[in-house]
Amino acid sequence: MVSKVDLEKLGFKKHQATTIIRQAKLKLVNSGVAYYNNKRVGIVPRKIVEEIIGVPLESEE
């Protein structure tokens, strides 16, 4: 799971990180996952973020 803060730590600016999370949530809602149709949910699956930015994220482990 990825949050806005995680994206900022990777070098994205605050607005870019927010936009990526917003796009990921919209993509999930459109695919039928109603849980993400909530403004208080701020984390999304890593796979969706990777699809949006087009680059695999490094694991933190």
N, C-alpha and C. Protein backbone atom coordinates (compact mmCIF):
# COMPACT_ATOMS: atom_id res chain seq x y z
N MET A 1 0.84 -1.17 0.00
CA MET A 1 0.00 0.00 0.00
C MET A 1 0.90 1.25 0.00
N VAL A 2 0.44 2.26 -0.71
CA VAL A 2 1.21 3.48 -0.89
C VAL A 2 0.35 4.67 -0.48
N SER A 3 0.97 5.61 0.22
CA SER A 3 0.27 6.83 0.61
C SER A 3 0.94 8.03 -0.05
N LYS A 4 0.33 9.19 0.14
CA LYS A 4 0.88 10.43 -0.41
C LYS A 4 2.27 10.70 0.17
N VAL A 5 2.45 10.43 1.44
CA VAL A 5 3.73 10.66 2.11
C VAL A 5 4.81 9.76 1.51
N ASP A 6 4.46 8.52 1.21
CA ASP A 6 5.41 7.60 0.59
C ASP A 6 5.88 8.13 -0.76
N LEU A 7 4.94 8.66 -1.54
CA LEU A 7 5.30 9.21 -2.85
C LEU A 7 6.18 10.45 -2.71
N GLU A 8 5.91 11.26 -1.69
CA GLU A 8 6.74 12.44 -1.45
C GLU A 8 8.16 12.03 -1.08
N LYS A 9 8.30 10.96 -0.31
CA LYS A 9 9.63 10.46 0.05
C LYS A 9 10.39 9.96 -1.17
N LEU A 10 9.66 9.51 -2.19
CA LEU A 10 10.29 9.04 -3.43
C LEU A 10 10.69 10.19 -4.35
N GLY A 11 10.30 11.43 -3.99
CA GLY A 11 10.72 12.58 -4.77
C GLY A 11 9.61 13.32 -5.50
N PHE A 12 8.38 12.87 -5.38
CA PHE A 12 7.27 13.58 -6.00
C PHE A 12 6.91 14.79 -5.16
N LYS A 13 6.49 15.85 -5.82
CA LYS A 13 6.04 17.04 -5.09
C LYS A 13 4.68 16.75 -4.46
N LYS A 14 4.30 17.58 -3.50
CA LYS A 14 3.07 17.35 -2.74
C LYS A 14 1.84 17.24 -3.65
N HIS A 15 1.70 18.16 -4.58
CA HIS A 15 0.54 18.14 -5.47
C HIS A 15 0.58 16.93 -6.41
N GLN A 16 1.76 16.58 -6.90
CA GLN A 16 1.88 15.40 -7.77
C GLN A 16 1.47 14.14 -7.02
N ALA A 17 1.93 14.01 -5.79
CA ALA A 17 1.60 12.83 -4.98
C ALA A 17 0.10 12.75 -4.74
N THR A 18 -0.51 13.88 -4.44
CA THR A 18 -1.95 13.91 -4.21
C THR A 18 -2.71 13.52 -5.48
N THR A 19 -2.25 14.02 -6.61
CA THR A 19 -2.90 13.71 -7.88
C THR A 19 -2.79 12.24 -8.22
N ILE A 20 -1.63 11.64 -7.97
CA ILE A 20 -1.44 10.21 -8.25
C ILE A 20 -2.38 9.37 -7.39
N ILE A 21 -2.48 9.70 -6.11
CA ILE A 21 -3.39 8.98 -5.21
C ILE A 21 -4.83 9.14 -5.69
N ARG A 22 -5.20 10.34 -6.10
CA ARG A 22 -6.56 10.61 -6.58
C ARG A 22 -6.86 9.79 -7.83
N GLN A 23 -5.90 9.74 -8.76
CA GLN A 23 -6.08 8.96 -9.99
C GLN A 23 -6.22 7.47 -9.67
N ALA A 24 -5.42 7.00 -8.73
CA ALA A 24 -5.47 5.58 -8.35
C ALA A 24 -6.83 5.24 -7.74
N LYS A 25 -7.32 6.11 -6.87
CA LYS A 25 -8.62 5.87 -6.26
C LYS A 25 -9.73 5.86 -7.31
N LEU A 26 -9.67 6.78 -8.26
CA LEU A 26 -10.67 6.84 -9.32
C LEU A 26 -10.63 5.57 -10.16
N LYS A 27 -9.43 5.11 -10.47
CA LYS A 27 -9.28 3.89 -11.26
C LYS A 27 -9.87 2.69 -10.52
N LEU A 28 -9.65 2.61 -9.21
CA LEU A 28 -10.18 1.51 -8.41
C LEU A 28 -11.70 1.57 -8.32
N VAL A 29 -12.25 2.76 -8.13
CA VAL A 29 -13.71 2.92 -8.05
C VAL A 29 -14.34 2.53 -9.38
N ASN A 30 -13.73 2.94 -10.49
CA ASN A 30 -14.27 2.60 -11.81
C ASN A 30 -14.19 1.10 -12.09
N SER A 31 -13.25 0.41 -11.44
CA SER A 31 -13.15 -1.04 -11.64
C SER A 31 -14.04 -1.81 -10.66
N GLY A 32 -14.79 -1.09 -9.82
CA GLY A 32 -15.78 -1.74 -8.98
C GLY A 32 -15.43 -1.88 -7.51
N VAL A 33 -14.35 -1.26 -7.06
CA VAL A 33 -13.97 -1.34 -5.66
C VAL A 33 -14.51 -0.09 -4.95
N ALA A 34 -15.72 -0.18 -4.43
CA ALA A 34 -16.41 0.97 -3.85
C ALA A 34 -15.74 1.50 -2.58
N TYR A 35 -14.92 0.70 -1.93
CA TYR A 35 -14.24 1.13 -0.70
C TYR A 35 -13.44 2.42 -0.92
N TYR A 36 -12.87 2.59 -2.09
CA TYR A 36 -12.02 3.75 -2.36
C TYR A 36 -12.82 4.99 -2.75
N ASN A 37 -14.14 4.91 -2.76
CA ASN A 37 -14.98 6.07 -3.02
C ASN A 37 -15.24 6.81 -1.70
N ASN A 38 -14.16 7.18 -1.04
CA ASN A 38 -14.22 7.81 0.28
C ASN A 38 -13.05 8.77 0.38
N LYS A 39 -13.32 10.03 0.68
CA LYS A 39 -12.24 11.02 0.71
C LYS A 39 -11.27 10.79 1.86
N ARG A 40 -11.64 10.00 2.84
CA ARG A 40 -10.75 9.76 3.98
C ARG A 40 -9.75 8.64 3.74
N VAL A 41 -9.95 7.86 2.70
CA VAL A 41 -9.01 6.79 2.38
C VAL A 41 -7.83 7.42 1.65
N GLY A 42 -6.64 7.29 2.23
CA GLY A 42 -5.46 7.94 1.66
C GLY A 42 -4.38 7.00 1.19
N ILE A 43 -4.66 5.70 1.20
CA ILE A 43 -3.66 4.74 0.72
C ILE A 43 -4.28 3.89 -0.38
N VAL A 44 -3.44 3.52 -1.33
CA VAL A 44 -3.89 2.71 -2.47
C VAL A 44 -2.88 1.61 -2.72
N PRO A 45 -3.28 0.55 -3.42
CA PRO A 45 -2.35 -0.53 -3.71
C PRO A 45 -1.16 -0.08 -4.57
N ARG A 46 -0.01 -0.62 -4.26
CA ARG A 46 1.23 -0.28 -4.96
C ARG A 46 1.12 -0.56 -6.46
N LYS A 47 0.47 -1.65 -6.82
CA LYS A 47 0.35 -2.05 -8.23
C LYS A 47 -0.34 -0.98 -9.06
N ILE A 48 -1.38 -0.36 -8.53
CA ILE A 48 -2.12 0.67 -9.25
C ILE A 48 -1.25 1.90 -9.45
N VAL A 49 -0.49 2.29 -8.43
CA VAL A 49 0.41 3.44 -8.54
C VAL A 49 1.48 3.17 -9.59
N GLU A 50 2.01 1.96 -9.61
CA GLU A 50 3.02 1.60 -10.61
C GLU A 50 2.45 1.69 -12.02
N GLU A 51 1.19 1.31 -12.20
CA GLU A 51 0.54 1.41 -13.52
C GLU A 51 0.42 2.87 -13.94
N ILE A 52 0.10 3.75 -13.00
CA ILE A 52 -0.11 5.16 -13.31
C ILE A 52 1.21 5.85 -13.67
N ILE A 53 2.24 5.63 -12.85
CA ILE A 53 3.51 6.34 -13.11
C ILE A 53 4.38 5.61 -14.13
N GLY A 54 4.09 4.34 -14.37
CA GLY A 54 4.81 3.60 -15.39
C GLY A 54 6.17 3.09 -14.98
N VAL A 55 6.46 3.13 -13.69
CA VAL A 55 7.76 2.68 -13.17
C VAL A 55 7.51 1.82 -11.94
N PRO A 56 8.19 0.68 -11.84
CA PRO A 56 8.02 -0.13 -10.62
C PRO A 56 8.64 0.58 -9.41
N LEU A 57 7.94 0.54 -8.29
CA LEU A 57 8.44 1.16 -7.07
C LEU A 57 9.34 0.17 -6.34
N GLU A 58 10.37 0.69 -5.69
CA GLU A 58 11.26 -0.17 -4.92
C GLU A 58 10.55 -0.58 -3.64
N SER A 59 10.76 -1.81 -3.23
CA SER A 59 10.14 -2.25 -1.98
C SER A 59 10.97 -1.71 -0.83
N GLU A 60 10.31 -1.43 0.29
CA GLU A 60 10.98 -0.82 1.44
C GLU A 60 11.57 -1.85 2.37
N GLU A 61 11.50 -3.11 2.03
CA GLU A 61 11.96 -4.17 2.92
C GLU A 61 13.44 -4.36 2.84
